[in-house]
């Protein structure tokens, strides 16, 4: 459902989250570009968008412009997903 051919800011290990409008779609996120897409376009409507969400958006932006390492965005994305209770285990 949320796919793209590009892989920017690849991660060593993918992160699985529940995404989509209702959080009913399980997504495997393996790079910063995909994480940014989930954060900006497919974050569940019921999911919390707190300080860790904001930090994850900023971390993804930093990676995409070359100012940070991809694993920084990965860790921030995990923390945002945990904060929102959408991390799939």
Foldseek 3Di string as FASTA:
>chain_A
DQDDPDAAQFDPAWFWWQWAQQSNDIDTGGGLVSLLCRLPPIHHPQFDCDPLSVVLNVQSVCRVVPNDHGVSSVVSSVVSRVNRVTGDD
